[in-house]
């Protein structure tokens, strides 16, 4: 199972796009480690790193929202909170069962699908907002 970054996922905000690319890489590494039957300890380290990186990414993204007075900030932040809750569930499943096929399916369902959908809708909306804001400021 593999998750590949596509140029079509770019939202036009370099900082966010580069973080998204890194998230895709880390998720791919996690899925590869599970499918290659890497040790539980190695997979656990990858999960911990991914959890930390997601926190850094969400914090960075939310700071950009606030800085740019993004009107959808609160709703977007709620999506991030929901993701963290789902990720905690995934982490608990791993801690109780290890890197099983069900665990890999959960990662695909909650992380991969969510991330692709989130980037394609909520993050893209923020990118569009910034472009529109820049266009308006450029007209003045």
N, C-alpha and C. Protein backbone atom coordinates (compact mmCIF):
# COMPACT_ATOMS: atom_id res chain seq x y z
N UNK A 1 0.85 -1.18 0.00
CA UNK A 1 0.00 0.00 0.00
C UNK A 1 0.88 1.23 0.00
N UNK A 2 0.54 2.17 -0.84
CA UNK A 2 1.38 3.34 -0.93
C UNK A 2 0.54 4.59 -1.12
N UNK A 3 0.99 5.64 -0.52
CA UNK A 3 0.36 6.93 -0.67
C UNK A 3 1.38 7.82 -1.38
N UNK A 4 0.99 8.37 -2.49
CA UNK A 4 1.91 9.18 -3.29
C UNK A 4 1.42 10.62 -3.35
N UNK A 5 2.37 11.53 -3.20
CA UNK A 5 2.06 12.95 -3.37
C UNK A 5 1.82 13.22 -4.85
N UNK A 6 0.83 14.04 -5.12
CA UNK A 6 0.54 14.45 -6.49
C UNK A 6 0.55 15.98 -6.55
N UNK A 7 1.01 16.48 -7.64
CA UNK A 7 1.06 17.94 -7.82
C UNK A 7 -0.33 18.55 -7.65
N UNK A 8 -1.36 17.81 -7.99
CA UNK A 8 -2.74 18.31 -7.87
C UNK A 8 -3.14 18.57 -6.42
N UNK A 9 -2.38 18.04 -5.45
CA UNK A 9 -2.68 18.29 -4.04
C UNK A 9 -2.17 19.65 -3.57
N UNK A 10 -1.30 20.27 -4.35
CA UNK A 10 -0.75 21.56 -3.94
C UNK A 10 -1.86 22.59 -3.83
N UNK A 11 -1.76 23.43 -2.78
CA UNK A 11 -2.76 24.47 -2.56
C UNK A 11 -2.21 25.85 -2.88
N UNK A 12 -0.92 25.93 -3.22
CA UNK A 12 -0.33 27.20 -3.59
C UNK A 12 0.27 27.99 -2.44
N UNK A 13 0.41 27.35 -1.28
CA UNK A 13 1.06 27.97 -0.13
C UNK A 13 2.28 27.10 0.17
N UNK A 14 3.45 27.60 -0.19
CA UNK A 14 4.67 26.78 -0.17
C UNK A 14 4.91 26.12 1.19
N UNK A 15 4.76 26.87 2.26
CA UNK A 15 5.00 26.31 3.60
C UNK A 15 4.10 25.11 3.88
N UNK A 16 2.84 25.26 3.55
CA UNK A 16 1.88 24.18 3.80
C UNK A 16 2.10 23.02 2.82
N UNK A 17 2.33 23.34 1.55
CA UNK A 17 2.57 22.28 0.56
C UNK A 17 3.79 21.43 0.93
N UNK A 18 4.86 22.06 1.38
CA UNK A 18 6.06 21.28 1.73
C UNK A 18 5.80 20.41 2.96
N UNK A 19 5.01 20.91 3.91
CA UNK A 19 4.66 20.09 5.07
C UNK A 19 3.75 18.93 4.67
N UNK A 20 2.83 19.18 3.77
CA UNK A 20 1.96 18.10 3.29
C UNK A 20 2.79 17.01 2.62
N UNK A 21 3.76 17.41 1.80
CA UNK A 21 4.64 16.43 1.14
C UNK A 21 5.36 15.58 2.18
N UNK A 22 5.83 16.22 3.23
CA UNK A 22 6.53 15.48 4.29
C UNK A 22 5.57 14.53 5.01
N UNK A 23 4.33 14.97 5.25
CA UNK A 23 3.33 14.10 5.87
C UNK A 23 3.09 12.86 5.01
N UNK A 24 2.96 13.05 3.72
CA UNK A 24 2.76 11.91 2.82
C UNK A 24 3.93 10.95 2.92
N UNK A 25 5.14 11.48 2.93
CA UNK A 25 6.33 10.63 3.03
C UNK A 25 6.31 9.84 4.33
N UNK A 26 6.00 10.50 5.44
CA UNK A 26 6.01 9.83 6.74
C UNK A 26 4.92 8.76 6.83
N UNK A 27 3.77 9.05 6.28
CA UNK A 27 2.69 8.05 6.29
C UNK A 27 3.08 6.86 5.42
N UNK A 28 3.68 7.13 4.26
CA UNK A 28 4.15 6.05 3.38
C UNK A 28 5.19 5.20 4.10
N UNK A 29 6.12 5.85 4.82
CA UNK A 29 7.13 5.12 5.58
C UNK A 29 6.48 4.23 6.64
N UNK A 30 5.46 4.76 7.31
CA UNK A 30 4.75 3.99 8.33
C UNK A 30 4.07 2.77 7.71
N UNK A 31 3.36 2.97 6.62
CA UNK A 31 2.67 1.86 5.96
C UNK A 31 3.67 0.83 5.44
N UNK A 32 4.78 1.30 4.89
CA UNK A 32 5.82 0.38 4.41
C UNK A 32 6.40 -0.44 5.55
N UNK A 33 6.64 0.21 6.68
CA UNK A 33 7.19 -0.50 7.84
C UNK A 33 6.24 -1.59 8.31
N UNK A 34 4.94 -1.29 8.29
CA UNK A 34 3.95 -2.30 8.69
C UNK A 34 3.92 -3.45 7.70
N UNK A 35 3.92 -3.13 6.41
CA UNK A 35 3.82 -4.20 5.41
C UNK A 35 5.09 -5.04 5.33
N UNK A 36 6.22 -4.48 5.75
CA UNK A 36 7.49 -5.22 5.74
C UNK A 36 7.76 -5.90 7.08
N UNK A 37 6.74 -5.91 7.93
CA UNK A 37 6.84 -6.55 9.25
C UNK A 37 8.03 -6.05 10.06
N UNK A 38 8.24 -4.74 10.01
CA UNK A 38 9.29 -4.15 10.85
C UNK A 38 8.89 -4.36 12.31
N UNK A 39 9.83 -4.26 13.18
CA UNK A 39 9.56 -4.47 14.60
C UNK A 39 8.58 -3.47 15.16
N UNK A 40 7.88 -3.90 16.17
CA UNK A 40 6.89 -3.06 16.84
C UNK A 40 7.51 -1.75 17.33
N UNK A 41 8.74 -1.83 17.83
CA UNK A 41 9.41 -0.64 18.35
C UNK A 41 9.66 0.38 17.24
N UNK A 42 10.08 -0.09 16.08
CA UNK A 42 10.34 0.81 14.95
C UNK A 42 9.05 1.47 14.47
N UNK A 43 7.99 0.69 14.36
CA UNK A 43 6.69 1.24 13.94
C UNK A 43 6.21 2.24 14.98
N UNK A 44 6.40 1.93 16.25
CA UNK A 44 6.00 2.84 17.32
C UNK A 44 6.73 4.17 17.22
N UNK A 45 8.02 4.13 16.91
CA UNK A 45 8.78 5.37 16.74
C UNK A 45 8.23 6.19 15.58
N UNK A 46 7.85 5.51 14.51
CA UNK A 46 7.29 6.21 13.35
C UNK A 46 5.96 6.87 13.70
N UNK A 47 5.14 6.17 14.47
CA UNK A 47 3.85 6.73 14.89
C UNK A 47 4.08 7.96 15.76
N UNK A 48 5.02 7.86 16.70
CA UNK A 48 5.32 9.00 17.57
C UNK A 48 5.81 10.19 16.77
N UNK A 49 6.69 9.93 15.81
CA UNK A 49 7.20 11.02 14.97
C UNK A 49 6.07 11.64 14.16
N UNK A 50 5.23 10.80 13.57
CA UNK A 50 4.12 11.29 12.77
C UNK A 50 3.18 12.14 13.62
N UNK A 51 2.91 11.68 14.82
CA UNK A 51 2.05 12.43 15.74
C UNK A 51 2.65 13.81 16.03
N UNK A 52 3.94 13.85 16.28
CA UNK A 52 4.62 15.12 16.55
C UNK A 52 4.61 16.02 15.32
N UNK A 53 4.84 15.44 14.16
CA UNK A 53 4.87 16.24 12.93
C UNK A 53 3.49 16.80 12.60
N UNK A 54 2.45 16.02 12.82
CA UNK A 54 1.08 16.49 12.60
C UNK A 54 0.81 17.69 13.49
N UNK A 55 1.24 17.62 14.75
CA UNK A 55 1.05 18.74 15.67
C UNK A 55 1.77 19.99 15.16
N UNK A 56 3.01 19.83 14.72
CA UNK A 56 3.77 20.96 14.18
C UNK A 56 3.06 21.54 12.95
N UNK A 57 2.61 20.66 12.07
CA UNK A 57 1.94 21.12 10.85
C UNK A 57 0.64 21.86 11.17
N UNK A 58 -0.20 21.29 12.02
CA UNK A 58 -1.46 21.94 12.35
C UNK A 58 -1.22 23.29 13.02
N UNK A 59 -0.26 23.36 13.93
CA UNK A 59 0.06 24.62 14.60
C UNK A 59 0.51 25.66 13.58
N UNK A 60 1.37 25.26 12.68
CA UNK A 60 1.88 26.16 11.64
C UNK A 60 0.74 26.66 10.75
N UNK A 61 -0.11 25.74 10.33
CA UNK A 61 -1.23 26.09 9.46
C UNK A 61 -2.19 27.04 10.17
N UNK A 62 -2.49 26.75 11.43
CA UNK A 62 -3.42 27.59 12.18
C UNK A 62 -2.84 28.98 12.43
N UNK A 63 -1.54 29.09 12.61
CA UNK A 63 -0.91 30.41 12.76
C UNK A 63 -1.09 31.22 11.48
N UNK A 64 -0.94 30.57 10.33
CA UNK A 64 -1.17 31.26 9.06
C UNK A 64 -2.63 31.71 8.94
N UNK A 65 -3.54 30.90 9.42
CA UNK A 65 -4.96 31.27 9.39
C UNK A 65 -5.18 32.54 10.20
N UNK A 66 -4.66 32.55 11.42
CA UNK A 66 -4.85 33.70 12.31
C UNK A 66 -4.18 34.94 11.72
N UNK A 67 -2.95 34.78 11.28
CA UNK A 67 -2.18 35.90 10.70
C UNK A 67 -2.92 36.53 9.52
N UNK A 68 -3.59 35.71 8.73
CA UNK A 68 -4.28 36.19 7.54
C UNK A 68 -5.78 36.42 7.74
N UNK A 69 -6.22 36.39 9.00
CA UNK A 69 -7.62 36.63 9.35
C UNK A 69 -8.58 35.74 8.57
N UNK A 70 -8.23 34.46 8.49
CA UNK A 70 -9.03 33.50 7.73
C UNK A 70 -10.38 33.31 8.40
N UNK A 71 -11.48 33.63 7.70
CA UNK A 71 -12.80 33.55 8.34
C UNK A 71 -13.25 32.14 8.70
N UNK A 72 -12.66 31.12 8.09
CA UNK A 72 -13.03 29.73 8.37
C UNK A 72 -12.10 29.08 9.39
N UNK A 73 -11.32 29.88 10.08
CA UNK A 73 -10.32 29.36 11.01
C UNK A 73 -10.91 28.41 12.05
N UNK A 74 -11.98 28.82 12.71
CA UNK A 74 -12.54 27.98 13.79
C UNK A 74 -13.01 26.63 13.27
N UNK A 75 -13.69 26.62 12.15
CA UNK A 75 -14.15 25.36 11.57
C UNK A 75 -12.98 24.48 11.14
N UNK A 76 -11.95 25.10 10.60
CA UNK A 76 -10.77 24.37 10.16
C UNK A 76 -10.05 23.77 11.37
N UNK A 77 -9.97 24.55 12.43
CA UNK A 77 -9.32 24.05 13.66
C UNK A 77 -10.08 22.85 14.21
N UNK A 78 -11.40 22.87 14.13
CA UNK A 78 -12.20 21.72 14.59
C UNK A 78 -11.88 20.47 13.78
N UNK A 79 -11.64 20.62 12.49
CA UNK A 79 -11.24 19.48 11.66
C UNK A 79 -9.91 18.91 12.15
N UNK A 80 -9.00 19.78 12.53
CA UNK A 80 -7.71 19.33 13.06
C UNK A 80 -7.89 18.59 14.38
N UNK A 81 -8.75 19.11 15.23
CA UNK A 81 -9.01 18.46 16.53
C UNK A 81 -9.59 17.06 16.30
N UNK A 82 -10.52 16.95 15.36
CA UNK A 82 -11.13 15.65 15.06
C UNK A 82 -10.08 14.67 14.52
N UNK A 83 -9.17 15.17 13.69
CA UNK A 83 -8.11 14.31 13.18
C UNK A 83 -7.25 13.79 14.33
N UNK A 84 -6.88 14.66 15.25
CA UNK A 84 -6.04 14.25 16.38
C UNK A 84 -6.77 13.19 17.20
N UNK A 85 -8.07 13.35 17.40
CA UNK A 85 -8.85 12.34 18.13
C UNK A 85 -8.80 10.99 17.40
N UNK A 86 -8.98 11.02 16.09
CA UNK A 86 -8.91 9.78 15.30
C UNK A 86 -7.52 9.17 15.35
N UNK A 87 -6.50 10.02 15.31
CA UNK A 87 -5.13 9.52 15.36
C UNK A 87 -4.84 8.86 16.70
N UNK A 88 -5.39 9.43 17.77
CA UNK A 88 -5.23 8.82 19.10
C UNK A 88 -5.87 7.43 19.14
N UNK A 89 -7.00 7.28 18.46
CA UNK A 89 -7.65 5.97 18.38
C UNK A 89 -6.76 4.97 17.63
N UNK A 90 -6.15 5.43 16.55
CA UNK A 90 -5.23 4.58 15.78
C UNK A 90 -4.05 4.17 16.65
N UNK A 91 -3.54 5.11 17.40
CA UNK A 91 -2.39 4.84 18.27
C UNK A 91 -2.75 3.80 19.33
N UNK A 92 -3.94 3.94 19.91
CA UNK A 92 -4.39 2.96 20.92
C UNK A 92 -4.52 1.57 20.29
N UNK A 93 -5.05 1.52 19.07
CA UNK A 93 -5.19 0.22 18.39
C UNK A 93 -3.82 -0.41 18.17
N UNK A 94 -2.86 0.40 17.76
CA UNK A 94 -1.51 -0.13 17.57
C UNK A 94 -0.94 -0.63 18.89
N UNK A 95 -1.11 0.14 19.96
CA UNK A 95 -0.56 -0.25 21.26
C UNK A 95 -1.17 -1.55 21.76
N UNK A 96 -2.45 -1.78 21.44
CA UNK A 96 -3.10 -3.00 21.93
C UNK A 96 -2.90 -4.20 21.01
N UNK A 97 -2.76 -3.96 19.69
CA UNK A 97 -2.72 -5.08 18.75
C UNK A 97 -1.46 -5.17 17.90
N UNK A 98 -0.70 -4.09 17.83
CA UNK A 98 0.49 -4.08 16.98
C UNK A 98 0.15 -3.75 15.54
N UNK A 99 1.12 -3.88 14.63
CA UNK A 99 0.92 -3.50 13.23
C UNK A 99 0.19 -4.57 12.41
N UNK A 100 -1.06 -4.81 12.74
CA UNK A 100 -1.87 -5.82 12.06
C UNK A 100 -2.44 -5.26 10.75
N UNK A 101 -3.07 -6.13 9.99
CA UNK A 101 -3.76 -5.68 8.77
C UNK A 101 -4.87 -4.69 9.10
N UNK A 102 -5.55 -4.92 10.22
CA UNK A 102 -6.60 -4.00 10.64
C UNK A 102 -6.02 -2.62 10.97
N UNK A 103 -4.83 -2.62 11.57
CA UNK A 103 -4.16 -1.35 11.87
C UNK A 103 -3.84 -0.61 10.57
N UNK A 104 -3.29 -1.31 9.60
CA UNK A 104 -2.96 -0.69 8.31
C UNK A 104 -4.23 -0.15 7.65
N UNK A 105 -5.33 -0.91 7.74
CA UNK A 105 -6.60 -0.45 7.18
C UNK A 105 -7.07 0.82 7.87
N UNK A 106 -6.90 0.89 9.19
CA UNK A 106 -7.28 2.10 9.92
C UNK A 106 -6.43 3.29 9.48
N UNK A 107 -5.14 3.07 9.32
CA UNK A 107 -4.26 4.15 8.87
C UNK A 107 -4.73 4.64 7.51
N UNK A 108 -5.04 3.72 6.61
CA UNK A 108 -5.53 4.11 5.29
C UNK A 108 -6.84 4.87 5.39
N UNK A 109 -7.75 4.39 6.20
CA UNK A 109 -9.07 5.01 6.31
C UNK A 109 -9.00 6.39 6.95
N UNK A 110 -8.41 6.45 8.14
CA UNK A 110 -8.47 7.69 8.90
C UNK A 110 -7.38 8.69 8.55
N UNK A 111 -6.23 8.23 8.11
CA UNK A 111 -5.13 9.15 7.83
C UNK A 111 -5.07 9.48 6.35
N UNK A 112 -4.92 8.47 5.51
CA UNK A 112 -4.74 8.72 4.09
C UNK A 112 -5.98 9.37 3.49
N UNK A 113 -7.14 8.75 3.66
CA UNK A 113 -8.37 9.31 3.09
C UNK A 113 -8.65 10.69 3.66
N UNK A 114 -8.49 10.85 4.98
CA UNK A 114 -8.75 12.14 5.60
C UNK A 114 -7.81 13.20 5.05
N UNK A 115 -6.54 12.88 4.98
CA UNK A 115 -5.55 13.85 4.54
C UNK A 115 -5.82 14.30 3.10
N UNK A 116 -6.08 13.35 2.22
CA UNK A 116 -6.36 13.71 0.82
C UNK A 116 -7.62 14.56 0.73
N UNK A 117 -8.67 14.17 1.44
CA UNK A 117 -9.91 14.95 1.43
C UNK A 117 -9.69 16.32 2.05
N UNK A 118 -9.00 16.38 3.17
CA UNK A 118 -8.77 17.64 3.88
C UNK A 118 -7.97 18.61 3.02
N UNK A 119 -6.90 18.11 2.40
CA UNK A 119 -6.09 18.96 1.54
C UNK A 119 -6.92 19.45 0.35
N UNK A 120 -7.71 18.55 -0.22
CA UNK A 120 -8.49 18.88 -1.41
C UNK A 120 -9.64 19.83 -1.16
N UNK A 121 -10.09 19.93 0.07
CA UNK A 121 -11.23 20.81 0.36
C UNK A 121 -10.83 21.95 1.30
N UNK A 122 -10.61 21.65 2.56
CA UNK A 122 -10.37 22.70 3.56
C UNK A 122 -9.07 23.47 3.29
N UNK A 123 -7.99 22.77 3.04
CA UNK A 123 -6.72 23.46 2.80
C UNK A 123 -6.74 24.20 1.46
N UNK A 124 -7.36 23.61 0.46
CA UNK A 124 -7.47 24.30 -0.83
C UNK A 124 -8.28 25.58 -0.68
N UNK A 125 -9.32 25.54 0.14
CA UNK A 125 -10.12 26.75 0.38
C UNK A 125 -9.27 27.85 1.00
N UNK A 126 -8.37 27.47 1.91
CA UNK A 126 -7.48 28.47 2.51
C UNK A 126 -6.52 29.02 1.45
N UNK A 127 -5.98 28.17 0.62
CA UNK A 127 -5.11 28.64 -0.46
C UNK A 127 -5.84 29.61 -1.39
N UNK A 128 -7.08 29.30 -1.72
CA UNK A 128 -7.89 30.19 -2.56
C UNK A 128 -8.14 31.52 -1.85
N UNK A 129 -8.43 31.45 -0.56
CA UNK A 129 -8.64 32.67 0.24
C UNK A 129 -7.40 33.56 0.17
N UNK A 130 -6.23 32.98 0.36
CA UNK A 130 -4.99 33.77 0.32
C UNK A 130 -4.78 34.39 -1.06
N UNK A 131 -5.02 33.63 -2.12
CA UNK A 131 -4.85 34.17 -3.47
C UNK A 131 -5.83 35.33 -3.72
N UNK A 132 -7.08 35.15 -3.29
CA UNK A 132 -8.07 36.21 -3.46
C UNK A 132 -7.69 37.44 -2.65
N UNK A 133 -7.18 37.22 -1.46
CA UNK A 133 -6.75 38.32 -0.59
C UNK A 133 -5.59 39.07 -1.24
N UNK A 134 -4.63 38.33 -1.79
CA UNK A 134 -3.49 38.95 -2.47
C UNK A 134 -3.95 39.72 -3.70
N UNK A 135 -4.91 39.17 -4.45
CA UNK A 135 -5.42 39.86 -5.63
C UNK A 135 -6.08 41.18 -5.24
N UNK A 136 -6.87 41.17 -4.17
CA UNK A 136 -7.53 42.39 -3.70
C UNK A 136 -6.51 43.41 -3.23
N UNK A 137 -5.51 42.96 -2.48
CA UNK A 137 -4.48 43.88 -2.00
C UNK A 137 -3.65 44.42 -3.15
N UNK A 138 -3.48 43.64 -4.19
CA UNK A 138 -2.73 44.08 -5.36
C UNK A 138 -3.47 45.14 -6.16
N UNK A 139 -4.81 45.16 -6.04
CA UNK A 139 -5.63 46.12 -6.77
C UNK A 139 -5.60 47.50 -6.13
N UNK A 140 -5.22 47.56 -4.87
CA UNK A 140 -5.23 48.85 -4.15
C UNK A 140 -4.03 49.68 -4.46
